[in-house]
Amino acid sequence: MLVFGLYKKHEKHRGGIPWAKMHFRLMRLALAPFGKQIVNDDF
């Protein structure tokens, strides 16, 4: 998915693991209503 490609680029740019984990959780929460299968496929 395009969103996750951008996310990985952004993660490198910021270079912060704790920030990345927090963002990852937010992304999962945002995607949860659309089905956990999507999240499982991407990660």
Protein backbone atom coordinates (compact mmCIF):
# COMPACT_ATOMS: atom_id res chain seq x y z
CA MET A 1 0.00 0.00 0.00
CA LEU A 2 1.18 3.50 -0.83
CA VAL A 3 0.56 4.77 2.71
CA PHE A 4 3.01 2.27 4.17
CA GLY A 5 5.67 3.08 1.59
CA LEU A 6 5.46 6.74 2.60
CA TYR A 7 5.46 5.73 6.25
CA LYS A 8 8.72 3.79 5.87
CA LYS A 9 10.37 6.74 4.11
CA HIS A 10 9.18 9.07 6.85
CA GLU A 11 10.41 6.71 9.54
CA LYS A 12 13.95 6.79 8.09
CA HIS A 13 13.80 10.56 7.76
CA ARG A 14 12.87 11.06 11.41
CA GLY A 15 15.08 8.22 12.60
CA GLY A 16 13.11 7.70 15.83
CA ILE A 17 12.13 4.19 16.84
CA PRO A 18 9.76 5.22 19.68
CA TRP A 19 8.04 7.69 17.33
CA ALA A 20 7.76 4.97 14.70
CA LYS A 21 6.17 2.56 17.18
CA MET A 22 3.66 5.17 18.26
CA HIS A 23 2.85 5.99 14.64
CA PHE A 24 2.54 2.28 13.87
CA ARG A 25 -0.04 1.90 16.65
CA LEU A 26 -1.99 4.87 15.37
CA MET A 27 -1.97 3.40 11.86
CA ARG A 28 -3.25 0.07 13.18
CA LEU A 29 -6.02 1.81 15.12
CA ALA A 30 -6.96 3.77 12.02
CA LEU A 31 -7.08 0.61 9.89
CA ALA A 32 -8.77 -1.64 12.45
CA PRO A 33 -12.34 -0.77 11.34
CA PHE A 34 -11.45 -1.72 7.76
CA GLY A 35 -10.43 -5.23 8.74
CA LYS A 36 -7.45 -6.71 10.51
CA GLN A 37 -6.63 -8.84 7.47
CA ILE A 38 -5.25 -5.78 5.66
CA VAL A 39 -2.92 -5.01 8.57
CA ASN A 40 -1.79 -8.63 8.80
CA ASP A 41 -1.02 -8.75 5.08
CA ASP A 42 1.09 -5.59 5.19
CA PHE A 43 3.03 -6.35 8.35
